[in-house]
Amino acid sequence: MDAVWSHRENPDLIHLVLLHPHDRYETDLPWVQFGITLPVSADDPSAQAEQLEARLTAADPRATAQVWGGSHHAEQLGYPWPPVDPDFG
């Protein structure tokens, strides 16, 4: 995971950013920035962190994430370009 944040306006949502390939800074190859927005509940934070980890490691998150950015050659990696505009709620 490359970034996680929440907005004061919507504290019940968190936004996650994942990069593919992860080491994109070390190459000139195409790369894609994926984004996922997930709900946050009033449950114990450590329990939620465990649930988040389980969700992200159970399957490839690229299958359900949206393309939020990347290089202009991202379609070479098999992902649509241009990316969708994320709705941060």
N, C-alpha and C. Protein backbone atom coordinates (compact mmCIF):
# COMPACT_ATOMS: atom_id res chain seq x y z
N MET A 1 0.85 -1.15 0.00
CA MET A 1 0.00 0.00 0.00
C MET A 1 0.91 1.23 0.00
N ASP A 2 0.53 2.20 -0.80
CA ASP A 2 1.38 3.37 -0.93
C ASP A 2 0.84 4.61 -0.23
N ALA A 3 -0.46 4.65 0.02
CA ALA A 3 -1.03 5.79 0.75
C ALA A 3 -2.38 5.40 1.32
N VAL A 4 -2.71 6.00 2.45
CA VAL A 4 -4.01 5.82 3.09
C VAL A 4 -4.40 7.16 3.68
N TRP A 5 -5.64 7.59 3.47
CA TRP A 5 -6.08 8.83 4.08
C TRP A 5 -7.59 8.87 4.23
N SER A 6 -8.05 9.84 4.99
CA SER A 6 -9.46 10.09 5.18
C SER A 6 -9.66 11.60 5.20
N HIS A 7 -10.86 12.04 4.89
CA HIS A 7 -11.18 13.47 4.94
C HIS A 7 -12.03 13.77 6.16
N ARG A 8 -11.87 14.94 6.71
CA ARG A 8 -12.70 15.35 7.85
C ARG A 8 -14.17 15.35 7.52
N GLU A 9 -14.48 15.67 6.25
CA GLU A 9 -15.89 15.74 5.84
C GLU A 9 -16.55 14.36 5.84
N ASN A 10 -15.76 13.32 5.63
CA ASN A 10 -16.28 11.95 5.58
C ASN A 10 -15.37 11.02 6.38
N PRO A 11 -15.39 11.11 7.69
CA PRO A 11 -14.49 10.27 8.50
C PRO A 11 -14.87 8.80 8.48
N ASP A 12 -16.02 8.46 7.89
CA ASP A 12 -16.43 7.07 7.81
C ASP A 12 -15.93 6.37 6.55
N LEU A 13 -15.02 7.03 5.80
CA LEU A 13 -14.42 6.44 4.60
C LEU A 13 -12.91 6.59 4.66
N ILE A 14 -12.19 5.57 4.19
CA ILE A 14 -10.75 5.70 4.00
C ILE A 14 -10.45 5.41 2.53
N HIS A 15 -9.40 6.03 2.04
CA HIS A 15 -8.99 5.88 0.66
C HIS A 15 -7.60 5.26 0.64
N LEU A 16 -7.45 4.22 -0.16
CA LEU A 16 -6.19 3.50 -0.26
C LEU A 16 -5.64 3.66 -1.67
N VAL A 17 -4.33 3.83 -1.78
CA VAL A 17 -3.67 3.91 -3.08
C VAL A 17 -2.64 2.78 -3.16
N LEU A 18 -2.69 2.06 -4.27
CA LEU A 18 -1.76 0.98 -4.56
C LEU A 18 -1.12 1.27 -5.91
N LEU A 19 0.16 1.02 -6.04
CA LEU A 19 0.86 1.21 -7.31
C LEU A 19 1.21 -0.14 -7.92
N HIS A 20 1.12 -0.21 -9.25
CA HIS A 20 1.51 -1.42 -9.98
C HIS A 20 2.32 -1.02 -11.19
N PRO A 21 3.50 -1.55 -11.42
CA PRO A 21 4.24 -2.35 -10.45
C PRO A 21 4.69 -1.50 -9.27
N HIS A 22 4.89 -2.15 -8.15
CA HIS A 22 5.18 -1.42 -6.91
C HIS A 22 6.47 -0.61 -7.00
N ASP A 23 7.46 -1.10 -7.71
CA ASP A 23 8.75 -0.42 -7.79
C ASP A 23 8.84 0.53 -8.99
N ARG A 24 7.74 1.18 -9.33
CA ARG A 24 7.69 2.01 -10.53
C ARG A 24 8.73 3.11 -10.53
N TYR A 25 9.19 3.55 -9.38
CA TYR A 25 10.17 4.63 -9.31
C TYR A 25 11.53 4.19 -9.84
N GLU A 26 11.74 2.87 -9.91
CA GLU A 26 13.03 2.35 -10.32
C GLU A 26 13.08 2.00 -11.80
N THR A 27 12.00 2.23 -12.54
CA THR A 27 11.97 1.87 -13.95
C THR A 27 11.31 2.97 -14.77
N ASP A 28 11.46 2.86 -16.06
CA ASP A 28 10.76 3.75 -16.99
C ASP A 28 9.55 3.05 -17.60
N LEU A 29 9.18 1.91 -17.05
CA LEU A 29 8.07 1.14 -17.57
C LEU A 29 6.73 1.78 -17.19
N PRO A 30 5.66 1.42 -17.91
CA PRO A 30 4.33 1.93 -17.54
C PRO A 30 3.96 1.53 -16.12
N TRP A 31 3.14 2.35 -15.48
CA TRP A 31 2.67 2.05 -14.14
C TRP A 31 1.24 2.54 -13.99
N VAL A 32 0.54 1.98 -13.03
CA VAL A 32 -0.86 2.31 -12.76
C VAL A 32 -1.03 2.58 -11.28
N GLN A 33 -1.82 3.61 -10.97
CA GLN A 33 -2.19 3.92 -9.58
C GLN A 33 -3.63 3.45 -9.41
N PHE A 34 -3.82 2.49 -8.48
CA PHE A 34 -5.15 1.99 -8.18
C PHE A 34 -5.66 2.63 -6.91
N GLY A 35 -6.96 2.85 -6.84
CA GLY A 35 -7.57 3.40 -5.65
C GLY A 35 -8.74 2.58 -5.19
N ILE A 36 -8.88 2.50 -3.88
CA ILE A 36 -10.00 1.80 -3.25
C ILE A 36 -10.52 2.69 -2.13
N THR A 37 -11.82 2.86 -2.06
CA THR A 37 -12.45 3.58 -0.96
C THR A 37 -13.25 2.57 -0.14
N LEU A 38 -12.97 2.54 1.15
CA LEU A 38 -13.60 1.56 2.03
C LEU A 38 -14.29 2.26 3.21
N PRO A 39 -15.37 1.65 3.72
CA PRO A 39 -16.05 2.23 4.88
C PRO A 39 -15.27 1.97 6.16
N VAL A 40 -15.44 2.88 7.10
CA VAL A 40 -14.86 2.76 8.44
C VAL A 40 -16.03 2.73 9.42
N SER A 41 -15.98 1.82 10.35
CA SER A 41 -17.08 1.70 11.32
C SER A 41 -16.62 2.19 12.69
N ALA A 42 -17.49 2.07 13.64
CA ALA A 42 -17.17 2.45 15.01
C ALA A 42 -16.51 1.30 15.77
N ASP A 43 -16.23 0.20 15.07
CA ASP A 43 -15.57 -0.95 15.69
C ASP A 43 -14.17 -0.59 16.15
N ASP A 44 -13.61 -1.45 16.96
CA ASP A 44 -12.26 -1.28 17.46
C ASP A 44 -11.28 -1.08 16.29
N PRO A 45 -10.44 -0.04 16.32
CA PRO A 45 -9.51 0.22 15.21
C PRO A 45 -8.60 -0.95 14.88
N SER A 46 -8.10 -1.66 15.89
CA SER A 46 -7.20 -2.78 15.59
C SER A 46 -7.96 -3.92 14.90
N ALA A 47 -9.21 -4.12 15.27
CA ALA A 47 -10.03 -5.14 14.60
C ALA A 47 -10.29 -4.74 13.15
N GLN A 48 -10.56 -3.46 12.93
CA GLN A 48 -10.77 -2.99 11.57
C GLN A 48 -9.51 -3.13 10.72
N ALA A 49 -8.37 -2.84 11.32
CA ALA A 49 -7.09 -2.98 10.60
C ALA A 49 -6.89 -4.44 10.18
N GLU A 50 -7.21 -5.37 11.06
CA GLU A 50 -7.09 -6.79 10.73
C GLU A 50 -8.04 -7.18 9.61
N GLN A 51 -9.27 -6.64 9.64
CA GLN A 51 -10.24 -6.92 8.59
C GLN A 51 -9.77 -6.35 7.25
N LEU A 52 -9.20 -5.15 7.29
CA LEU A 52 -8.68 -4.53 6.08
C LEU A 52 -7.55 -5.38 5.50
N GLU A 53 -6.63 -5.79 6.36
CA GLU A 53 -5.52 -6.63 5.90
C GLU A 53 -6.04 -7.92 5.27
N ALA A 54 -7.01 -8.54 5.92
CA ALA A 54 -7.58 -9.78 5.40
C ALA A 54 -8.22 -9.55 4.03
N ARG A 55 -8.92 -8.44 3.90
CA ARG A 55 -9.59 -8.13 2.63
C ARG A 55 -8.58 -7.90 1.52
N LEU A 56 -7.51 -7.18 1.82
CA LEU A 56 -6.52 -6.86 0.80
C LEU A 56 -5.62 -8.03 0.43
N THR A 57 -5.46 -8.98 1.33
CA THR A 57 -4.59 -10.11 1.05
C THR A 57 -5.35 -11.36 0.60
N ALA A 58 -6.67 -11.36 0.70
CA ALA A 58 -7.48 -12.52 0.30
C ALA A 58 -7.49 -12.70 -1.21
N ALA A 59 -7.40 -11.61 -1.94
CA ALA A 59 -7.43 -11.65 -3.40
C ALA A 59 -6.64 -10.45 -3.92
N ASP A 60 -6.37 -10.47 -5.18
CA ASP A 60 -5.62 -9.38 -5.80
C ASP A 60 -6.49 -8.12 -5.79
N PRO A 61 -6.12 -7.06 -5.05
CA PRO A 61 -6.95 -5.87 -4.96
C PRO A 61 -7.12 -5.15 -6.30
N ARG A 62 -6.25 -5.41 -7.27
CA ARG A 62 -6.39 -4.77 -8.58
C ARG A 62 -7.67 -5.20 -9.28
N ALA A 63 -8.20 -6.36 -8.89
CA ALA A 63 -9.42 -6.87 -9.53
C ALA A 63 -10.64 -6.02 -9.20
N THR A 64 -10.65 -5.37 -8.04
CA THR A 64 -11.81 -4.57 -7.64
C THR A 64 -11.52 -3.08 -7.51
N ALA A 65 -10.25 -2.70 -7.59
CA ALA A 65 -9.88 -1.29 -7.46
C ALA A 65 -10.15 -0.54 -8.76
N GLN A 66 -10.18 0.78 -8.66
CA GLN A 66 -10.32 1.64 -9.83
C GLN A 66 -8.95 2.20 -10.20
N VAL A 67 -8.77 2.46 -11.49
CA VAL A 67 -7.55 3.12 -11.94
C VAL A 67 -7.73 4.61 -11.65
N TRP A 68 -6.88 5.13 -10.77
CA TRP A 68 -6.96 6.55 -10.39
C TRP A 68 -5.88 7.38 -11.06
N GLY A 69 -4.86 6.74 -11.61
CA GLY A 69 -3.78 7.49 -12.23
C GLY A 69 -2.72 6.55 -12.76
N GLY A 70 -1.61 7.13 -13.16
CA GLY A 70 -0.52 6.32 -13.67
C GLY A 70 0.14 6.98 -14.86
N SER A 71 0.97 6.23 -15.53
CA SER A 71 1.63 6.74 -16.72
C SER A 71 0.63 6.71 -17.88
N HIS A 72 0.92 7.47 -18.91
CA HIS A 72 0.00 7.51 -20.05
C HIS A 72 0.13 6.28 -20.93
N HIS A 73 0.97 5.34 -20.54
CA HIS A 73 1.09 4.07 -21.25
C HIS A 73 0.53 2.93 -20.40
N ALA A 74 -0.34 3.27 -19.47
CA ALA A 74 -0.89 2.27 -18.55
C ALA A 74 -1.66 1.19 -19.29
N GLU A 75 -2.25 1.52 -20.43
CA GLU A 75 -3.01 0.51 -21.18
C GLU A 75 -2.12 -0.65 -21.60
N GLN A 76 -0.80 -0.45 -21.65
CA GLN A 76 0.12 -1.54 -21.97
C GLN A 76 0.13 -2.60 -20.87
N LEU A 77 -0.31 -2.22 -19.69
CA LEU A 77 -0.41 -3.17 -18.57
C LEU A 77 -1.78 -3.85 -18.53
N GLY A 78 -2.66 -3.47 -19.48
CA GLY A 78 -3.98 -4.09 -19.54
C GLY A 78 -5.05 -3.38 -18.75
N TYR A 79 -4.82 -2.12 -18.40
CA TYR A 79 -5.80 -1.37 -17.62
C TYR A 79 -6.27 -0.16 -18.43
N PRO A 80 -7.52 0.26 -18.21
CA PRO A 80 -8.08 1.34 -19.02
C PRO A 80 -7.40 2.68 -18.77
N TRP A 81 -7.36 3.48 -19.79
CA TRP A 81 -6.87 4.85 -19.67
C TRP A 81 -7.78 5.71 -20.49
N PRO A 82 -8.19 6.85 -20.10
CA PRO A 82 -7.80 7.55 -18.88
C PRO A 82 -8.49 6.97 -17.66
N PRO A 83 -7.95 7.26 -16.48
CA PRO A 83 -8.55 6.74 -15.25
C PRO A 83 -9.87 7.41 -14.95
N VAL A 84 -10.62 6.80 -14.05
CA VAL A 84 -11.86 7.42 -13.57
C VAL A 84 -11.51 8.51 -12.57
N ASP A 85 -12.36 9.49 -12.43
CA ASP A 85 -12.19 10.50 -11.40
C ASP A 85 -12.70 9.91 -10.09
N PRO A 86 -11.84 9.77 -9.10
CA PRO A 86 -12.29 9.16 -7.84
C PRO A 86 -13.36 10.01 -7.16
N ASP A 87 -14.32 9.34 -6.60
CA ASP A 87 -15.35 10.00 -5.80
C ASP A 87 -14.98 9.81 -4.34
N PHE A 88 -14.43 10.84 -3.73
CA PHE A 88 -13.99 10.73 -2.35
C PHE A 88 -15.12 11.00 -1.36
N GLY A 89 -16.34 11.08 -1.88
CA GLY A 89 -17.51 11.22 -1.01
C GLY A 89 -17.53 12.49 -0.32
